[in-house]
Protein backbone atom coordinates (compact mmCIF):
# COMPACT_ATOMS: atom_id res chain seq x y z
CA MET A 1 13.29 -69.99 70.20
CA THR A 2 12.00 -68.07 67.27
CA GLU A 3 13.95 -67.41 64.12
CA GLU A 4 14.14 -63.72 65.09
CA VAL A 5 15.99 -64.58 68.33
CA ARG A 6 18.40 -66.81 66.45
CA LYS A 7 19.30 -63.95 64.13
CA THR A 8 19.79 -61.33 66.86
CA ASP A 9 21.60 -63.37 69.52
CA PRO A 10 25.17 -64.11 68.37
CA LEU A 11 25.92 -66.41 71.31
CA TYR A 12 22.89 -68.55 70.55
CA ARG A 13 23.76 -68.72 66.85
CA ARG A 14 27.38 -69.67 67.56
CA GLY A 15 26.25 -72.21 70.13
CA LEU A 16 24.00 -73.84 67.54
CA GLU A 17 26.86 -73.89 65.05
CA ALA A 18 29.14 -75.47 67.65
CA ALA A 19 26.49 -78.09 68.47
CA ALA A 20 26.11 -78.90 64.77
CA ALA A 21 29.91 -79.21 64.46
CA TYR A 22 29.89 -81.57 67.45
CA ASP A 23 27.22 -83.71 65.82
CA ASP A 24 29.19 -83.90 62.57
CA ALA A 25 32.60 -84.50 64.20
CA GLU A 26 34.51 -87.73 64.07
CA THR A 27 35.22 -89.64 67.26
CA GLY A 28 38.66 -88.08 67.86
CA GLN A 29 37.37 -84.52 67.61
CA ARG A 30 34.17 -84.93 69.64
CA ARG A 31 35.72 -84.18 73.05
CA LYS A 32 37.20 -80.86 71.88
CA LYS A 33 33.96 -79.87 70.18
CA LEU A 34 31.98 -80.83 73.29
CA LEU A 35 34.10 -78.43 75.37
CA VAL A 36 33.34 -75.67 72.85
CA VAL A 37 29.61 -76.41 73.13
CA PHE A 38 29.81 -76.31 76.93
CA GLY A 39 31.76 -73.04 76.74
CA TYR A 40 29.05 -71.40 74.64
CA GLY A 41 26.38 -72.78 76.95
CA LEU A 42 28.14 -71.31 79.98
CA ALA A 43 28.62 -67.98 78.19
CA MET A 44 24.89 -67.87 77.35
CA ILE A 45 23.95 -68.58 80.97
CA VAL A 46 26.29 -65.88 82.34
CA GLU A 47 25.16 -63.34 79.73
CA HIS A 48 21.50 -64.02 80.51
CA TRP A 49 22.18 -63.73 84.25
CA ILE A 50 23.91 -60.37 83.80
CA ARG A 51 21.16 -59.05 81.51
CA GLN A 52 18.38 -60.12 83.88
CA GLY A 53 20.24 -58.64 86.84
CA LEU A 54 20.64 -55.31 85.08
CA GLN A 55 16.98 -55.21 84.07
CA GLN A 56 15.64 -56.17 87.49
CA GLY A 57 18.06 -53.83 89.24
CA ALA A 58 17.05 -50.94 86.99
CA LEU A 59 13.35 -51.62 87.68
CA LEU A 60 13.89 -51.77 91.43
CA PHE A 61 16.13 -48.72 91.52
CA SER A 62 13.66 -46.71 89.42
CA VAL A 63 10.85 -47.56 91.84
CA ILE A 64 13.10 -46.53 94.75
CA VAL A 65 13.90 -43.22 93.05
CA ALA A 66 10.19 -42.53 92.49
CA ALA A 67 9.46 -43.43 96.13
CA PHE A 68 12.17 -41.02 97.30
CA GLY A 69 10.55 -38.36 95.13
CA VAL A 70 7.12 -38.95 96.61
CA PHE A 71 8.02 -39.45 100.26
CA GLY A 72 11.49 -38.01 100.77
CA THR A 73 11.54 -34.48 99.49
CA GLU A 74 9.73 -31.29 100.31
CA THR A 75 10.40 -29.22 97.19
CA SER A 76 8.19 -29.70 94.18
CA ALA A 77 11.05 -29.50 91.67
CA TRP A 78 12.91 -32.44 93.23
CA ARG A 79 9.63 -34.30 93.70
CA PHE A 80 8.73 -33.92 90.03
CA GLY A 81 12.25 -34.75 88.82
CA LEU A 82 12.64 -37.89 90.91
CA VAL A 83 9.16 -39.20 90.15
CA ALA A 84 9.57 -38.48 86.43
CA ALA A 85 12.96 -40.19 86.38
CA GLY A 86 11.57 -43.21 88.20
CA VAL A 87 8.58 -43.54 85.88
CA ALA A 88 10.74 -43.02 82.78
CA GLY A 89 13.22 -45.64 84.02
CA VAL A 90 10.47 -48.19 84.61
CA ALA A 91 8.97 -47.46 81.18
CA LEU A 92 12.33 -47.80 79.42
CA VAL A 93 13.11 -51.11 81.10
CA PHE A 94 9.66 -52.47 80.27
CA VAL A 95 10.17 -51.47 76.63
CA VAL A 96 13.46 -53.39 76.63
CA LEU A 97 11.78 -56.39 78.27
CA ARG A 98 8.88 -56.52 75.83
CA SER A 99 10.67 -55.82 72.56
CA ARG A 100 13.40 -57.69 70.73
CA TRP A 101 16.21 -55.18 70.73
CA GLY A 102 19.78 -56.05 69.90
CA LEU A 103 21.96 -57.62 72.54
CA LEU A 104 23.97 -54.42 73.09
CA TRP A 105 20.85 -52.33 73.73
CA GLN A 106 19.46 -54.94 76.13
CA HIS A 107 22.52 -54.30 78.31
CA PHE A 108 23.05 -50.59 77.67
CA VAL A 109 19.55 -49.24 78.41
CA PRO A 110 19.19 -50.78 81.91
CA ALA A 111 22.76 -49.76 82.75
CA ALA A 112 22.02 -46.19 81.63
CA VAL A 113 18.81 -46.16 83.70
CA LEU A 114 20.76 -47.37 86.74
CA GLY A 115 23.40 -44.70 86.20
CA ALA A 116 20.91 -41.88 85.72
CA ASP A 117 18.91 -42.91 88.79
CA ALA A 118 22.06 -43.16 90.89
CA LEU A 119 23.21 -39.73 89.71
CA LEU A 120 19.85 -38.19 90.59
CA LEU A 121 19.90 -39.71 94.06
CA ILE A 122 23.46 -38.50 94.63
CA LEU A 123 22.53 -34.98 93.50
CA TRP A 124 19.38 -35.08 95.63
CA ASN A 125 21.42 -36.14 98.67
CA GLN A 126 23.95 -33.30 98.07
CA ARG A 127 21.29 -30.56 97.96
């Protein structure tokens, strides 16, 4: 990983610190420090899984919203709104995927896209 990722990802940084503490530990302390290293490793895996799920779900849901706008509505206002929301959601998620934003924004933006798309579909269904 690059130095930029090490600075922005607190779990990765703490995991590296825990691994260094494990390497420097005496024999009696190594088992406890190994559990800490495994804990950080598990936390990084779960966090990555959640982040990837949010991003992929937001992409898929935005494409579905745009498809509903193109094929599922007769009025031009709903068509424009749903297609614009779908395209904007895809663009926002791709910006998050390609750039190195902070860890909070990498979770918040896809969750906000999912929420906005869901709200639009609910409102569209209630029309």
